[in-house]
Amino acid sequence: MSIGIALVIAAVTLALLLSGKLDHMIAGLAGGILMLGVGIKLGFYNEGQALEAIEFDALALLLGMMILVSILEPTGFFQYMAIKAG
């Protein structure tokens, strides 16, 4: 049953992300919060275990990539690389 609930939450979150009807950040954050809330409510884990499961190295990598993309995108770097690759 717990896997079913997790799959439904993940599928709905993915559908929201792919549909574009909701901002990606809001959809992802809502899915994560819902998954965490349901997991705690149903006793799958507690707050401490959820905090221990966070991979801060992965979050730092994602943050760094997002910063780099936000700096490079206005310069046309990605369009330039696409032309060079093609």
C-alpha atoms as a PDB file:
ATOM      1  CA  MET A   1       0.000   0.000   0.000  1.00  0.00           C
ATOM      2  CA  SER A   2       2.799   2.437   0.848  1.00  0.00           C
ATOM      3  CA  ILE A   3       4.408   1.890  -2.547  1.00  0.00           C
ATOM      4  CA  GLY A   4       1.063   2.579  -4.204  1.00  0.00           C
ATOM      5  CA  ILE A   5       0.648   5.874  -2.376  1.00  0.00           C
ATOM      6  CA  ALA A   6       4.199   6.913  -3.265  1.00  0.00           C
ATOM      7  CA  LEU A   7       3.647   5.975  -6.916  1.00  0.00           C
ATOM      8  CA  VAL A   8       0.418   7.980  -7.091  1.00  0.00           C
ATOM      9  CA  ILE A   9       2.081  11.057  -5.580  1.00  0.00           C
ATOM     10  CA  ALA A  10       5.061  10.705  -7.925  1.00  0.00           C
ATOM     11  CA  ALA A  11       2.822  10.179 -10.972  1.00  0.00           C
ATOM     12  CA  VAL A  12       0.644  13.198 -10.187  1.00  0.00           C
ATOM     13  CA  THR A  13       3.729  15.337  -9.582  1.00  0.00           C
ATOM     14  CA  LEU A  14       5.284  14.172 -12.849  1.00  0.00           C
ATOM     15  CA  ALA A  15       2.038  14.826 -14.713  1.00  0.00           C
ATOM     16  CA  LEU A  16       1.932  18.365 -13.320  1.00  0.00           C
ATOM     17  CA  LEU A  17       5.548  18.916 -14.301  1.00  0.00           C
ATOM     18  CA  LEU A  18       5.036  17.634 -17.843  1.00  0.00           C
ATOM     19  CA  SER A  19       1.697  19.367 -18.438  1.00  0.00           C
ATOM     20  CA  GLY A  20       3.083  22.827 -17.765  1.00  0.00           C
ATOM     21  CA  LYS A  21      -0.173  23.866 -16.106  1.00  0.00           C
ATOM     22  CA  LEU A  22       1.659  24.657 -12.886  1.00  0.00           C
ATOM     23  CA  ASP A  23       5.051  26.234 -12.324  1.00  0.00           C
ATOM     24  CA  HIS A  24       7.727  23.546 -12.145  1.00  0.00           C
ATOM     25  CA  MET A  25       9.045  24.737  -8.814  1.00  0.00           C
ATOM     26  CA  ILE A  26       5.599  24.755  -7.235  1.00  0.00           C
ATOM     27  CA  ALA A  27       4.715  21.309  -8.615  1.00  0.00           C
ATOM     28  CA  GLY A  28       7.994  19.755  -7.447  1.00  0.00           C
ATOM     29  CA  LEU A  29       7.858  21.398  -4.042  1.00  0.00           C
ATOM     30  CA  ALA A  30       4.226  20.386  -3.542  1.00  0.00           C
ATOM     31  CA  GLY A  31       5.011  16.782  -4.517  1.00  0.00           C
ATOM     32  CA  GLY A  32       7.952  16.642  -2.137  1.00  0.00           C
ATOM     33  CA  ILE A  33       6.034  18.161   0.749  1.00  0.00           C
ATOM     34  CA  LEU A  34       3.092  15.834   0.132  1.00  0.00           C
ATOM     35  CA  MET A  35       5.384  12.794  -0.008  1.00  0.00           C
ATOM     36  CA  LEU A  36       7.067  13.857   3.233  1.00  0.00           C
ATOM     37  CA  GLY A  37       3.777  14.623   4.976  1.00  0.00           C
ATOM     38  CA  VAL A  38       2.157  11.344   3.969  1.00  0.00           C
ATOM     39  CA  GLY A  39       5.267   9.395   4.955  1.00  0.00           C
ATOM     40  CA  ILE A  40       5.353  10.953   8.414  1.00  0.00           C
ATOM     41  CA  LYS A  41       1.579  10.675   8.890  1.00  0.00           C
ATOM     42  CA  LEU A  42       1.532   6.977   7.993  1.00  0.00           C
ATOM     43  CA  GLY A  43       4.587   6.273  10.152  1.00  0.00           C
ATOM     44  CA  PHE A  44       7.021   5.266   7.403  1.00  0.00           C
ATOM     45  CA  TYR A  45       9.671   7.499   8.958  1.00  0.00           C
ATOM     46  CA  ASN A  46      10.023  10.401  11.345  1.00  0.00           C
ATOM     47  CA  GLU A  47      11.334  13.930  10.840  1.00  0.00           C
ATOM     48  CA  GLY A  48      14.882  12.974  11.808  1.00  0.00           C
ATOM     49  CA  GLN A  49      15.037  10.135   9.306  1.00  0.00           C
ATOM     50  CA  ALA A  50      13.647  12.380   6.583  1.00  0.00           C
ATOM     51  CA  LEU A  51      16.309  15.009   7.305  1.00  0.00           C
ATOM     52  CA  GLU A  52      19.060  12.368   7.271  1.00  0.00           C
ATOM     53  CA  ALA A  53      17.877  11.180   3.841  1.00  0.00           C
ATOM     54  CA  ILE A  54      18.531  14.559   2.211  1.00  0.00           C
ATOM     55  CA  GLU A  55      21.618  14.477  -0.003  1.00  0.00           C
ATOM     56  CA  PHE A  56      23.027  17.956   0.512  1.00  0.00           C
ATOM     57  CA  ASP A  57      25.838  17.290  -1.978  1.00  0.00           C
ATOM     58  CA  ALA A  58      23.253  16.648  -4.702  1.00  0.00           C
ATOM     59  CA  LEU A  59      21.347  19.801  -3.732  1.00  0.00           C
ATOM     60  CA  ALA A  60      24.571  21.825  -3.883  1.00  0.00           C
ATOM     61  CA  LEU A  61      25.341  20.411  -7.344  1.00  0.00           C
ATOM     62  CA  LEU A  62      21.846  21.297  -8.583  1.00  0.00           C
ATOM     63  CA  LEU A  63      22.086  24.790  -7.105  1.00  0.00           C
ATOM     64  CA  GLY A  64      25.453  25.340  -8.784  1.00  0.00           C
ATOM     65  CA  MET A  65      24.118  24.170 -12.147  1.00  0.00           C
ATOM     66  CA  MET A  66      21.067  26.410 -11.861  1.00  0.00           C
ATOM     67  CA  ILE A  67      23.251  29.413 -11.050  1.00  0.00           C
ATOM     68  CA  LEU A  68      25.533  28.645 -13.990  1.00  0.00           C
ATOM     69  CA  VAL A  69      22.590  28.258 -16.373  1.00  0.00           C
ATOM     70  CA  SER A  70      20.994  31.495 -15.164  1.00  0.00           C
ATOM     71  CA  ILE A  71      24.270  33.315 -15.871  1.00  0.00           C
ATOM     72  CA  LEU A  72      24.940  31.719 -19.271  1.00  0.00           C
ATOM     73  CA  GLU A  73      21.411  31.699 -20.713  1.00  0.00           C
ATOM     74  CA  PRO A  74      21.093  35.480 -21.341  1.00  0.00           C
ATOM     75  CA  THR A  75      24.449  35.497 -23.173  1.00  0.00           C
ATOM     76  CA  GLY A  76      23.214  33.088 -25.852  1.00  0.00           C
ATOM     77  CA  PHE A  77      25.799  30.490 -24.886  1.00  0.00           C
ATOM     78  CA  PHE A  78      23.435  27.522 -25.285  1.00  0.00           C
ATOM     79  CA  GLN A  79      22.249  28.654 -28.716  1.00  0.00           C
ATOM     80  CA  TYR A  80      25.881  29.092 -29.769  1.00  0.00           C
ATOM     81  CA  MET A  81      26.760  25.592 -28.548  1.00  0.00           C
ATOM     82  CA  ALA A  82      23.709  24.153 -30.341  1.00  0.00           C
ATOM     83  CA  ILE A  83      24.831  25.748 -33.614  1.00  0.00           C
ATOM     84  CA  LYS A  84      28.389  24.497 -33.135  1.00  0.00           C
ATOM     85  CA  ALA A  85      27.153  20.981 -32.309  1.00  0.00           C
ATOM     86  CA  GLY A  86      24.847  20.863 -35.351  1.00  0.00           C
END
